[in-house]
All heavy atoms as atom14 arrays in JSON, in Angstrom:
{
  "sequence": "VAAELCANAVRHGHVAGRDFHVLLTADPATG",
  "atom14_mask": [
    [1, 1, 1, 1, 1, 1, 1, 0, 0, 0, 0, 0, 0, 0],
    [1, 1, 1, 1, 1, 0, 0, 0, 0, 0, 0, 0, 0, 0],
    [1, 1, 1, 1, 1, 0, 0, 0, 0, 0, 0, 0, 0, 0],
    [1, 1, 1, 1, 1, 1, 1, 1, 1, 0, 0, 0, 0, 0],
    [1, 1, 1, 1, 1, 1, 1, 1, 0, 0, 0, 0, 0, 0],
    [1, 1, 1, 1, 1, 1, 0, 0, 0, 0, 0, 0, 0, 0],
    [1, 1, 1, 1, 1, 0, 0, 0, 0, 0, 0, 0, 0, 0],
    [1, 1, 1, 1, 1, 1, 1, 1, 0, 0, 0, 0, 0, 0],
    [1, 1, 1, 1, 1, 0, 0, 0, 0, 0, 0, 0, 0, 0],
    [1, 1, 1, 1, 1, 1, 1, 0, 0, 0, 0, 0, 0, 0],
    [1, 1, 1, 1, 1, 1, 1, 1, 1, 1, 1, 0, 0, 0],
    [1, 1, 1, 1, 1, 1, 1, 1, 1, 1, 0, 0, 0, 0],
    [1, 1, 1, 1, 0, 0, 0, 0, 0, 0, 0, 0, 0, 0],
    [1, 1, 1, 1, 1, 1, 1, 1, 1, 1, 0, 0, 0, 0],
    [1, 1, 1, 1, 1, 1, 1, 0, 0, 0, 0, 0, 0, 0],
    [1, 1, 1, 1, 1, 0, 0, 0, 0, 0, 0, 0, 0, 0],
    [1, 1, 1, 1, 0, 0, 0, 0, 0, 0, 0, 0, 0, 0],
    [1, 1, 1, 1, 1, 1, 1, 1, 1, 1, 1, 0, 0, 0],
    [1, 1, 1, 1, 1, 1, 1, 1, 0, 0, 0, 0, 0, 0],
    [1, 1, 1, 1, 1, 1, 1, 1, 1, 1, 1, 0, 0, 0],
    [1, 1, 1, 1, 1, 1, 1, 1, 1, 1, 0, 0, 0, 0],
    [1, 1, 1, 1, 1, 1, 1, 0, 0, 0, 0, 0, 0, 0],
    [1, 1, 1, 1, 1, 1, 1, 1, 0, 0, 0, 0, 0, 0],
    [1, 1, 1, 1, 1, 1, 1, 1, 0, 0, 0, 0, 0, 0],
    [1, 1, 1, 1, 1, 1, 1, 0, 0, 0, 0, 0, 0, 0],
    [1, 1, 1, 1, 1, 0, 0, 0, 0, 0, 0, 0, 0, 0],
    [1, 1, 1, 1, 1, 1, 1, 1, 0, 0, 0, 0, 0, 0],
    [1, 1, 1, 1, 1, 1, 1, 0, 0, 0, 0, 0, 0, 0],
    [1, 1, 1, 1, 1, 0, 0, 0, 0, 0, 0, 0, 0, 0],
    [1, 1, 1, 1, 1, 1, 1, 0, 0, 0, 0, 0, 0, 0],
    [1, 1, 1, 1, 0, 0, 0, 0, 0, 0, 0, 0, 0, 0]
  ],
  "atom14_positions": [
    [[0.91, -1.17, -0.02], [0.02, -0.01, -0.03], [0.92, 1.24, 0.03], [0.59, 2.19, -0.77], [-1.03, -0.01, 1.16], [-1.67, 1.36, 1.32], [-1.94, -1.19, 1.01], [0.0, 0.0, 0.0], [0.0, 0.0, 0.0], [0.0, 0.0, 0.0], [0.0, 0.0, 0.0], [0.0, 0.0, 0.0], [0.0, 0.0, 0.0], [0.0, 0.0, 0.0]],
    [[1.85, 1.21, 0.81], [2.9, 2.45, 0.81], [3.52, 2.58, -0.47], [3.69, 3.67, -1.05], [3.94, 2.15, 1.95], [0.0, 0.0, 0.0], [0.0, 0.0, 0.0], [0.0, 0.0, 0.0], [0.0, 0.0, 0.0], [0.0, 0.0, 0.0], [0.0, 0.0, 0.0], [0.0, 0.0, 0.0], [0.0, 0.0, 0.0], [0.0, 0.0, 0.0]],
    [[3.86, 1.6, -1.1], [4.61, 1.58, -2.44], [3.64, 2.18, -3.44], [4.08, 3.05, -4.26], [5.07, 0.28, -2.92], [0.0, 0.0, 0.0], [0.0, 0.0, 0.0], [0.0, 0.0, 0.0], [0.0, 0.0, 0.0], [0.0, 0.0, 0.0], [0.0, 0.0, 0.0], [0.0, 0.0, 0.0], [0.0, 0.0, 0.0], [0.0, 0.0, 0.0]],
    [[2.33, 1.78, -3.39], [1.43, 2.32, -4.42], [1.08, 3.78, -4.24], [0.97, 4.6, -5.16], [0.09, 1.56, -4.37], [0.19, 0.01, -4.88], [0.62, -0.01, -6.38], [0.42, 0.87, -7.23], [1.21, -1.03, -6.73], [0.0, 0.0, 0.0], [0.0, 0.0, 0.0], [0.0, 0.0, 0.0], [0.0, 0.0, 0.0], [0.0, 0.0, 0.0]],
    [[0.99, 4.16, -2.85], [0.62, 5.63, -2.68], [1.77, 6.44, -3.08], [1.66, 7.57, -3.55], [0.26, 5.83, -1.17], [-1.04, 5.09, -0.77], [-1.31, 5.43, 0.66], [-2.22, 5.5, -1.64], [0.0, 0.0, 0.0], [0.0, 0.0, 0.0], [0.0, 0.0, 0.0], [0.0, 0.0, 0.0], [0.0, 0.0, 0.0], [0.0, 0.0, 0.0]],
    [[3.09, 6.05, -2.75], [4.29, 6.77, -3.16], [4.42, 6.88, -4.6], [4.83, 7.99, -5.22], [5.51, 6.14, -2.53], [5.45, 6.34, -0.71], [0.0, 0.0, 0.0], [0.0, 0.0, 0.0], [0.0, 0.0, 0.0], [0.0, 0.0, 0.0], [0.0, 0.0, 0.0], [0.0, 0.0, 0.0], [0.0, 0.0, 0.0], [0.0, 0.0, 0.0]],
    [[4.2, 5.64, -5.38], [4.34, 5.69, -6.83], [3.31, 6.67, -7.43], [3.58, 7.4, -8.38], [4.09, 4.31, -7.35], [0.0, 0.0, 0.0], [0.0, 0.0, 0.0], [0.0, 0.0, 0.0], [0.0, 0.0, 0.0], [0.0, 0.0, 0.0], [0.0, 0.0, 0.0], [0.0, 0.0, 0.0], [0.0, 0.0, 0.0], [0.0, 0.0, 0.0]],
    [[2.05, 6.77, -6.88], [1.13, 7.59, -7.3], [1.44, 9.07, -7.13], [1.2, 9.97, -7.94], [-0.32, 7.35, -6.75], [-0.98, 6.17, -7.22], [-0.56, 5.63, -8.37], [-1.99, 5.67, -6.78], [0.0, 0.0, 0.0], [0.0, 0.0, 0.0], [0.0, 0.0, 0.0], [0.0, 0.0, 0.0], [0.0, 0.0, 0.0], [0.0, 0.0, 0.0]],
    [[2.07, 9.32, -5.98], [2.6, 10.75, -5.67], [3.49, 11.2, -6.68], [3.53, 12.35, -7.13], [3.13, 10.83, -4.23], [0.0, 0.0, 0.0], [0.0, 0.0, 0.0], [0.0, 0.0, 0.0], [0.0, 0.0, 0.0], [0.0, 0.0, 0.0], [0.0, 0.0, 0.0], [0.0, 0.0, 0.0], [0.0, 0.0, 0.0], [0.0, 0.0, 0.0]],
    [[4.38, 10.29, -7.05], [5.48, 10.62, -8.12], [4.76, 10.67, -9.54], [5.02, 11.68, -10.28], [6.55, 9.55, -8.14], [7.52, 9.74, -9.31], [7.37, 9.61, -6.79], [0.0, 0.0, 0.0], [0.0, 0.0, 0.0], [0.0, 0.0, 0.0], [0.0, 0.0, 0.0], [0.0, 0.0, 0.0], [0.0, 0.0, 0.0], [0.0, 0.0, 0.0]],
    [[3.99, 9.82, -9.89], [3.38, 9.72, -11.22], [2.35, 10.88, -11.45], [2.21, 11.44, -12.44], [2.78, 8.39, -11.52], [2.29, 8.18, -12.94], [1.99, 6.83, -13.25], [1.75, 6.76, -14.63], [1.52, 5.53, -15.2], [1.57, 4.43, -14.56], [1.45, 5.51, -16.63], [0.0, 0.0, 0.0], [0.0, 0.0, 0.0], [0.0, 0.0, 0.0]],
    [[1.5, 11.01, -10.5], [0.22, 11.9, -10.64], [0.35, 13.23, -9.87], [-0.37, 14.12, -10.06], [-1.07, 11.14, -10.31], [-1.24, 9.89, -11.16], [-1.48, 9.83, -12.48], [-1.11, 8.63, -10.69], [-1.55, 8.64, -12.85], [-1.39, 7.83, -11.85], [0.0, 0.0, 0.0], [0.0, 0.0, 0.0], [0.0, 0.0, 0.0], [0.0, 0.0, 0.0]],
    [[1.26, 13.29, -8.84], [1.29, 14.41, -7.94], [2.62, 15.23, -8.13], [2.89, 16.11, -7.35], [0.0, 0.0, 0.0], [0.0, 0.0, 0.0], [0.0, 0.0, 0.0], [0.0, 0.0, 0.0], [0.0, 0.0, 0.0], [0.0, 0.0, 0.0], [0.0, 0.0, 0.0], [0.0, 0.0, 0.0], [0.0, 0.0, 0.0], [0.0, 0.0, 0.0]],
    [[3.44, 14.8, -9.21], [4.67, 15.45, -9.28], [4.59, 16.94, -9.77], [3.87, 17.26, -10.6], [5.46, 14.77, -10.4], [6.79, 15.35, -10.73], [7.88, 15.3, -9.89], [7.1, 16.07, -11.8], [8.9, 15.96, -10.47], [8.44, 16.47, -11.52], [0.0, 0.0, 0.0], [0.0, 0.0, 0.0], [0.0, 0.0, 0.0], [0.0, 0.0, 0.0]],
    [[5.36, 17.78, -9.07], [5.54, 19.21, -9.4], [7.06, 19.34, -9.36], [7.65, 19.01, -8.37], [4.82, 20.15, -8.47], [5.29, 21.57, -8.84], [3.34, 20.02, -8.48], [0.0, 0.0, 0.0], [0.0, 0.0, 0.0], [0.0, 0.0, 0.0], [0.0, 0.0, 0.0], [0.0, 0.0, 0.0], [0.0, 0.0, 0.0], [0.0, 0.0, 0.0]],
    [[7.65, 19.86, -10.47], [9.07, 20.01, -10.53], [9.66, 20.84, -9.42], [9.15, 21.86, -8.95], [9.54, 20.73, -11.87], [0.0, 0.0, 0.0], [0.0, 0.0, 0.0], [0.0, 0.0, 0.0], [0.0, 0.0, 0.0], [0.0, 0.0, 0.0], [0.0, 0.0, 0.0], [0.0, 0.0, 0.0], [0.0, 0.0, 0.0], [0.0, 0.0, 0.0]],
    [[10.7, 20.19, -8.78], [11.28, 20.84, -7.69], [10.58, 20.65, -6.31], [11.0, 21.26, -5.21], [0.0, 0.0, 0.0], [0.0, 0.0, 0.0], [0.0, 0.0, 0.0], [0.0, 0.0, 0.0], [0.0, 0.0, 0.0], [0.0, 0.0, 0.0], [0.0, 0.0, 0.0], [0.0, 0.0, 0.0], [0.0, 0.0, 0.0], [0.0, 0.0, 0.0]],
    [[9.5, 19.95, -6.2], [8.79, 19.69, -5.05], [8.91, 18.22, -4.67], [8.81, 17.33, -5.52], [7.32, 20.03, -5.16], [6.99, 21.52, -5.52], [7.33, 22.35, -4.36], [7.17, 23.76, -4.65], [6.09, 24.53, -4.3], [5.07, 24.03, -3.74], [6.04, 25.84, -4.69], [0.0, 0.0, 0.0], [0.0, 0.0, 0.0], [0.0, 0.0, 0.0]],
    [[9.03, 18.08, -3.34], [9.17, 16.69, -2.81], [7.75, 16.1, -2.37], [6.76, 16.9, -2.32], [10.02, 16.74, -1.52], [11.47, 17.01, -1.86], [11.85, 16.82, -3.03], [12.17, 17.45, -0.96], [0.0, 0.0, 0.0], [0.0, 0.0, 0.0], [0.0, 0.0, 0.0], [0.0, 0.0, 0.0], [0.0, 0.0, 0.0], [0.0, 0.0, 0.0]],
    [[7.69, 14.76, -2.15], [6.44, 14.38, -1.45], [6.84, 13.88, -0.01], [7.95, 13.57, 0.22], [5.83, 13.19, -2.28], [6.55, 11.89, -2.35], [6.28, 10.86, -1.45], [7.61, 11.69, -3.31], [6.97, 9.67, -1.45], [8.21, 10.44, -3.25], [7.93, 9.42, -2.54], [0.0, 0.0, 0.0], [0.0, 0.0, 0.0], [0.0, 0.0, 0.0]],
    [[5.85, 13.83, 0.74], [6.04, 13.55, 2.25], [5.33, 12.33, 2.61], [4.22, 12.07, 2.2], [5.48, 14.69, 2.99], [5.77, 14.59, 4.51], [4.82, 14.13, 5.32], [6.89, 14.89, 5.24], [5.32, 14.02, 6.58], [6.54, 14.58, 6.55], [0.0, 0.0, 0.0], [0.0, 0.0, 0.0], [0.0, 0.0, 0.0], [0.0, 0.0, 0.0]],
    [[5.96, 11.43, 3.38], [5.35, 10.23, 3.88], [5.34, 10.37, 5.45], [6.32, 10.69, 6.09], [6.24, 9.01, 3.5], [5.73, 7.71, 4.16], [6.26, 8.81, 1.94], [0.0, 0.0, 0.0], [0.0, 0.0, 0.0], [0.0, 0.0, 0.0], [0.0, 0.0, 0.0], [0.0, 0.0, 0.0], [0.0, 0.0, 0.0], [0.0, 0.0, 0.0]],
    [[4.1, 9.93, 5.93], [3.98, 9.81, 7.42], [3.42, 8.38, 7.63], [2.38, 8.02, 7.17], [3.04, 10.85, 8.01], [2.62, 10.68, 9.49], [3.89, 10.73, 10.33], [1.62, 11.72, 9.84], [0.0, 0.0, 0.0], [0.0, 0.0, 0.0], [0.0, 0.0, 0.0], [0.0, 0.0, 0.0], [0.0, 0.0, 0.0], [0.0, 0.0, 0.0]],
    [[4.09, 7.6, 8.46], [3.79, 6.25, 8.71], [3.51, 6.12, 10.19], [4.41, 6.47, 10.95], [4.88, 5.24, 8.32], [4.65, 3.71, 8.43], [3.65, 3.32, 7.4], [6.0, 3.0, 8.19], [0.0, 0.0, 0.0], [0.0, 0.0, 0.0], [0.0, 0.0, 0.0], [0.0, 0.0, 0.0], [0.0, 0.0, 0.0], [0.0, 0.0, 0.0]],
    [[2.44, 5.64, 10.6], [2.08, 5.68, 12.0], [1.4, 4.22, 12.27], [0.64, 3.85, 11.71], [0.93, 6.72, 12.38], [1.35, 7.92, 11.95], [0.73, 6.69, 13.82], [0.0, 0.0, 0.0], [0.0, 0.0, 0.0], [0.0, 0.0, 0.0], [0.0, 0.0, 0.0], [0.0, 0.0, 0.0], [0.0, 0.0, 0.0], [0.0, 0.0, 0.0]],
    [[2.15, 3.6, 13.48], [1.64, 2.24, 13.86], [1.06, 2.52, 15.31], [1.8, 2.99, 16.16], [2.72, 1.34, 13.85], [0.0, 0.0, 0.0], [0.0, 0.0, 0.0], [0.0, 0.0, 0.0], [0.0, 0.0, 0.0], [0.0, 0.0, 0.0], [0.0, 0.0, 0.0], [0.0, 0.0, 0.0], [0.0, 0.0, 0.0], [0.0, 0.0, 0.0]],
    [[-0.22, 2.13, 15.55], [-0.87, 2.2, 16.71], [-1.2, 0.85, 17.35], [-2.12, 0.21, 16.87], [-2.11, 3.08, 16.57], [-2.7, 3.39, 18.02], [-2.35, 2.84, 18.99], [-3.6, 4.27, 17.97], [0.0, 0.0, 0.0], [0.0, 0.0, 0.0], [0.0, 0.0, 0.0], [0.0, 0.0, 0.0], [0.0, 0.0, 0.0], [0.0, 0.0, 0.0]],
    [[-0.39, 0.34, 18.31], [-0.66, -0.99, 18.81], [-2.01, -1.07, 19.5], [-2.61, -2.12, 19.57], [0.41, -1.13, 19.81], [1.58, -0.23, 19.47], [0.85, 0.94, 18.87], [0.0, 0.0, 0.0], [0.0, 0.0, 0.0], [0.0, 0.0, 0.0], [0.0, 0.0, 0.0], [0.0, 0.0, 0.0], [0.0, 0.0, 0.0], [0.0, 0.0, 0.0]],
    [[-2.53, 0.05, 20.07], [-3.8, 0.03, 20.73], [-4.9, -0.38, 19.81], [-5.93, -1.04, 20.24], [-4.06, 1.33, 21.51], [0.0, 0.0, 0.0], [0.0, 0.0, 0.0], [0.0, 0.0, 0.0], [0.0, 0.0, 0.0], [0.0, 0.0, 0.0], [0.0, 0.0, 0.0], [0.0, 0.0, 0.0], [0.0, 0.0, 0.0], [0.0, 0.0, 0.0]],
    [[-4.77, 0.15, 18.58], [-5.88, -0.16, 17.59], [-5.5, -1.23, 16.62], [-6.35, -1.64, 15.85], [-6.31, 1.09, 16.81], [-5.15, 1.56, 16.11], [-6.8, 2.17, 17.77], [0.0, 0.0, 0.0], [0.0, 0.0, 0.0], [0.0, 0.0, 0.0], [0.0, 0.0, 0.0], [0.0, 0.0, 0.0], [0.0, 0.0, 0.0], [0.0, 0.0, 0.0]],
    [[-4.26, -1.59, 16.58], [-3.82, -2.65, 15.68], [-3.79, -2.2, 14.31], [-4.05, -2.98, 13.27], [0.0, 0.0, 0.0], [0.0, 0.0, 0.0], [0.0, 0.0, 0.0], [0.0, 0.0, 0.0], [0.0, 0.0, 0.0], [0.0, 0.0, 0.0], [0.0, 0.0, 0.0], [0.0, 0.0, 0.0], [0.0, 0.0, 0.0], [0.0, 0.0, 0.0]]
  ]
}
């Protein structure tokens, strides 16, 4: 899922000179 979202950010969300940002959060309380 992370790979697909990142690939889409590059393929469809690319703006020259701009990066994309990833936030990954794991919550053991909710699994």
